[in-house]
C-alpha atoms as a PDB file:
ATOM      1  CA  UNK A   1      -0.381   0.038  -0.208  1.00  0.00           C
ATOM      2  CA  UNK A   2       1.468   3.388  -0.835  1.00  0.00           C
ATOM      3  CA  UNK A   3       1.216   6.421   1.531  1.00  0.00           C
ATOM      4  CA  UNK A   4      -1.557   7.905  -0.184  1.00  0.00           C
ATOM      5  CA  UNK A   5      -3.876   4.724  -0.269  1.00  0.00           C
ATOM      6  CA  UNK A   6      -6.638   5.010   1.789  1.00  0.00           C
ATOM      7  CA  UNK A   7      -6.455   2.409   4.887  1.00  0.00           C
ATOM      8  CA  UNK A   8      -9.955   1.665   4.195  1.00  0.00           C
ATOM      9  CA  UNK A   9      -8.797  -0.172   0.842  1.00  0.00           C
ATOM     10  CA  UNK A  10      -7.101  -2.878   3.042  1.00  0.00           C
ATOM     11  CA  UNK A  11      -9.888  -2.958   5.400  1.00  0.00           C
ATOM     12  CA  UNK A  12     -13.701  -2.773   4.731  1.00  0.00           C
ATOM     13  CA  UNK A  13     -14.699  -3.730   8.422  1.00  0.00           C
ATOM     14  CA  UNK A  14     -17.396  -0.973   8.235  1.00  0.00           C
ATOM     15  CA  UNK A  15     -18.743  -2.519   5.176  1.00  0.00           C
ATOM     16  CA  UNK A  16     -19.118  -5.675   6.648  1.00  0.00           C
ATOM     17  CA  UNK A  17     -20.491  -5.151  10.153  1.00  0.00           C
ATOM     18  CA  UNK A  18     -23.945  -5.508   9.937  1.00  0.00           C
ATOM     19  CA  UNK A  19     -26.998  -6.046   7.888  1.00  0.00           C
ATOM     20  CA  UNK A  20     -28.711  -3.231   9.432  1.00  0.00           C
ATOM     21  CA  UNK A  21     -25.802  -0.855   7.883  1.00  0.00           C
ATOM     22  CA  UNK A  22     -25.777   0.871   5.772  1.00  0.00           C
ATOM     23  CA  UNK A  23     -29.026   2.645   6.114  1.00  0.00           C
ATOM     24  CA  UNK A  24     -30.329   5.567   3.662  1.00  0.00           C
ATOM     25  CA  UNK A  25     -30.551   8.623   5.747  1.00  0.00           C
ATOM     26  CA  UNK A  26     -30.378  11.976   4.084  1.00  0.00           C
ATOM     27  CA  UNK A  27     -30.066  11.089   0.606  1.00  0.00           C
ATOM     28  CA  UNK A  28     -32.762  12.305  -1.775  1.00  0.00           C
ATOM     29  CA  UNK A  29     -34.742  10.263  -4.365  1.00  0.00           C
ATOM     30  CA  UNK A  30     -32.180  11.324  -7.259  1.00  0.00           C
ATOM     31  CA  UNK A  31     -29.310  10.401  -5.374  1.00  0.00           C
ATOM     32  CA  UNK A  32     -31.014   6.964  -4.428  1.00  0.00           C
ATOM     33  CA  UNK A  33     -32.213   6.005  -7.622  1.00  0.00           C
ATOM     34  CA  UNK A  34     -28.403   6.297  -9.206  1.00  0.00           C
ATOM     35  CA  UNK A  35     -27.633   3.132  -7.016  1.00  0.00           C
ATOM     36  CA  UNK A  36     -28.345   0.063  -8.542  1.00  0.00           C
ATOM     37  CA  UNK A  37     -31.197  -2.070  -7.637  1.00  0.00           C
ATOM     38  CA  UNK A  38     -29.355  -5.142  -7.142  1.00  0.00           C
ATOM     39  CA  UNK A  39     -27.697  -3.221  -4.139  1.00  0.00           C
ATOM     40  CA  UNK A  40     -30.612  -1.991  -2.499  1.00  0.00           C
ATOM     41  CA  UNK A  41     -32.469  -3.941   0.232  1.00  0.00           C
ATOM     42  CA  UNK A  42     -35.894  -5.474  -0.213  1.00  0.00           C
ATOM     43  CA  UNK A  43     -37.507  -2.674   2.131  1.00  0.00           C
ATOM     44  CA  UNK A  44     -35.402   0.072  -0.026  1.00  0.00           C
ATOM     45  CA  UNK A  45     -34.131   1.370   3.508  1.00  0.00           C
ATOM     46  CA  UNK A  46     -30.642   0.756   3.134  1.00  0.00           C
ATOM     47  CA  UNK A  47     -28.053  -1.360   1.256  1.00  0.00           C
ATOM     48  CA  UNK A  48     -28.393  -5.036   0.462  1.00  0.00           C
ATOM     49  CA  UNK A  49     -26.333  -7.010   2.634  1.00  0.00           C
ATOM     50  CA  UNK A  50     -24.959 -11.002   2.110  1.00  0.00           C
ATOM     51  CA  UNK A  51     -25.087 -11.802   5.947  1.00  0.00           C
ATOM     52  CA  UNK A  52     -23.518  -8.779   7.549  1.00  0.00           C
ATOM     53  CA  UNK A  53     -21.441  -7.692   4.090  1.00  0.00           C
ATOM     54  CA  UNK A  54     -22.751  -4.919   2.101  1.00  0.00           C
ATOM     55  CA  UNK A  55     -23.437  -6.433  -1.246  1.00  0.00           C
ATOM     56  CA  UNK A  56     -21.440  -3.616  -3.101  1.00  0.00           C
ATOM     57  CA  UNK A  57     -18.192  -4.459  -1.265  1.00  0.00           C
ATOM     58  CA  UNK A  58     -15.744  -6.696  -3.399  1.00  0.00           C
ATOM     59  CA  UNK A  59     -12.417  -8.397  -2.005  1.00  0.00           C
ATOM     60  CA  UNK A  60     -11.549  -9.740   1.007  1.00  0.00           C
ATOM     61  CA  UNK A  61     -11.881  -8.124   4.440  1.00  0.00           C
ATOM     62  CA  UNK A  62      -8.782  -6.774   6.122  1.00  0.00           C
ATOM     63  CA  UNK A  63      -6.254  -7.611   2.855  1.00  0.00           C
ATOM     64  CA  UNK A  64      -7.954  -5.681  -0.252  1.00  0.00           C
ATOM     65  CA  UNK A  65     -11.404  -4.437  -0.700  1.00  0.00           C
ATOM     66  CA  UNK A  66     -13.070  -1.784  -2.759  1.00  0.00           C
ATOM     67  CA  UNK A  67     -16.721  -0.403  -2.877  1.00  0.00           C
ATOM     68  CA  UNK A  68     -18.524  -1.177  -6.286  1.00  0.00           C
ATOM     69  CA  UNK A  69     -20.680   2.096  -6.337  1.00  0.00           C
ATOM     70  CA  UNK A  70     -17.934   4.275  -4.592  1.00  0.00           C
ATOM     71  CA  UNK A  71     -18.800   7.380  -6.421  1.00  0.00           C
ATOM     72  CA  UNK A  72     -22.516   7.066  -5.711  1.00  0.00           C
ATOM     73  CA  UNK A  73     -22.208   5.499  -2.179  1.00  0.00           C
ATOM     74  CA  UNK A  74     -24.912   6.357   0.490  1.00  0.00           C
ATOM     75  CA  UNK A  75     -24.388   9.418   2.619  1.00  0.00           C
ATOM     76  CA  UNK A  76     -23.754   7.360   5.853  1.00  0.00           C
ATOM     77  CA  UNK A  77     -20.695   5.609   3.755  1.00  0.00           C
ATOM     78  CA  UNK A  78     -19.254   9.209   3.022  1.00  0.00           C
ATOM     79  CA  UNK A  79     -19.155   9.882   6.949  1.00  0.00           C
ATOM     80  CA  UNK A  80     -17.453   7.020   8.288  1.00  0.00           C
ATOM     81  CA  UNK A  81     -13.742   7.999   8.502  1.00  0.00           C
ATOM     82  CA  UNK A  82     -10.793   5.884   9.344  1.00  0.00           C
ATOM     83  CA  UNK A  83     -10.158   5.634  12.954  1.00  0.00           C
ATOM     84  CA  UNK A  84     -13.679   7.190  14.034  1.00  0.00           C
ATOM     85  CA  UNK A  85     -15.407   5.490  16.841  1.00  0.00           C
ATOM     86  CA  UNK A  86     -17.680   3.325  14.155  1.00  0.00           C
ATOM     87  CA  UNK A  87     -14.399   2.212  12.099  1.00  0.00           C
ATOM     88  CA  UNK A  88     -12.746   1.106  15.735  1.00  0.00           C
ATOM     89  CA  UNK A  89     -15.685  -0.767  16.365  1.00  0.00           C
ATOM     90  CA  UNK A  90     -16.158  -2.676  13.129  1.00  0.00           C
ATOM     91  CA  UNK A  91     -12.546  -3.478  13.104  1.00  0.00           C
ATOM     92  CA  UNK A  92     -12.350  -4.796  16.568  1.00  0.00           C
ATOM     93  CA  UNK A  93     -15.296  -7.051  15.392  1.00  0.00           C
ATOM     94  CA  UNK A  94     -13.041  -8.240  12.367  1.00  0.00           C
ATOM     95  CA  UNK A  95      -9.943  -8.577  14.988  1.00  0.00           C
ATOM     96  CA  UNK A  96      -8.036  -6.022  13.130  1.00  0.00           C
ATOM     97  CA  UNK A  97      -6.185  -3.349  14.817  1.00  0.00           C
ATOM     98  CA  UNK A  98      -7.610  -0.321  15.752  1.00  0.00           C
ATOM     99  CA  UNK A  99      -6.148   2.743  13.360  1.00  0.00           C
ATOM    100  CA  UNK A 100      -4.543   5.615  15.266  1.00  0.00           C
ATOM    101  CA  UNK A 101      -6.408   9.127  14.804  1.00  0.00           C
ATOM    102  CA  UNK A 102      -4.523  11.999  13.918  1.00  0.00           C
ATOM    103  CA  UNK A 103      -5.969  14.632  16.239  1.00  0.00           C
ATOM    104  CA  UNK A 104      -3.322  17.332  14.660  1.00  0.00           C
ATOM    105  CA  UNK A 105      -5.232  17.165  11.376  1.00  0.00           C
ATOM    106  CA  UNK A 106      -8.753  18.070  12.891  1.00  0.00           C
END
């Protein structure tokens, strides 16, 4: 992994944490219409999951992953940041080390 690569590309824990996440929150209908139907759950309230894993996630958690709809991903996915409390919780569940947060950049 290069220095400028996101730690998320070697993780994916937040995208495979719970079948109840990610949920749609503040997206409008036009934004939601961009997400392919095969990735939306039956209630149309969030992303479809295979077990606890978002169906748009590709690759192997903890090694190399990517989001199949990265450019049009839901808002909740955009707000999850490397090292934040949600990230730490998901990484612990997958037995991955918690990322250090750089408080100087905040």
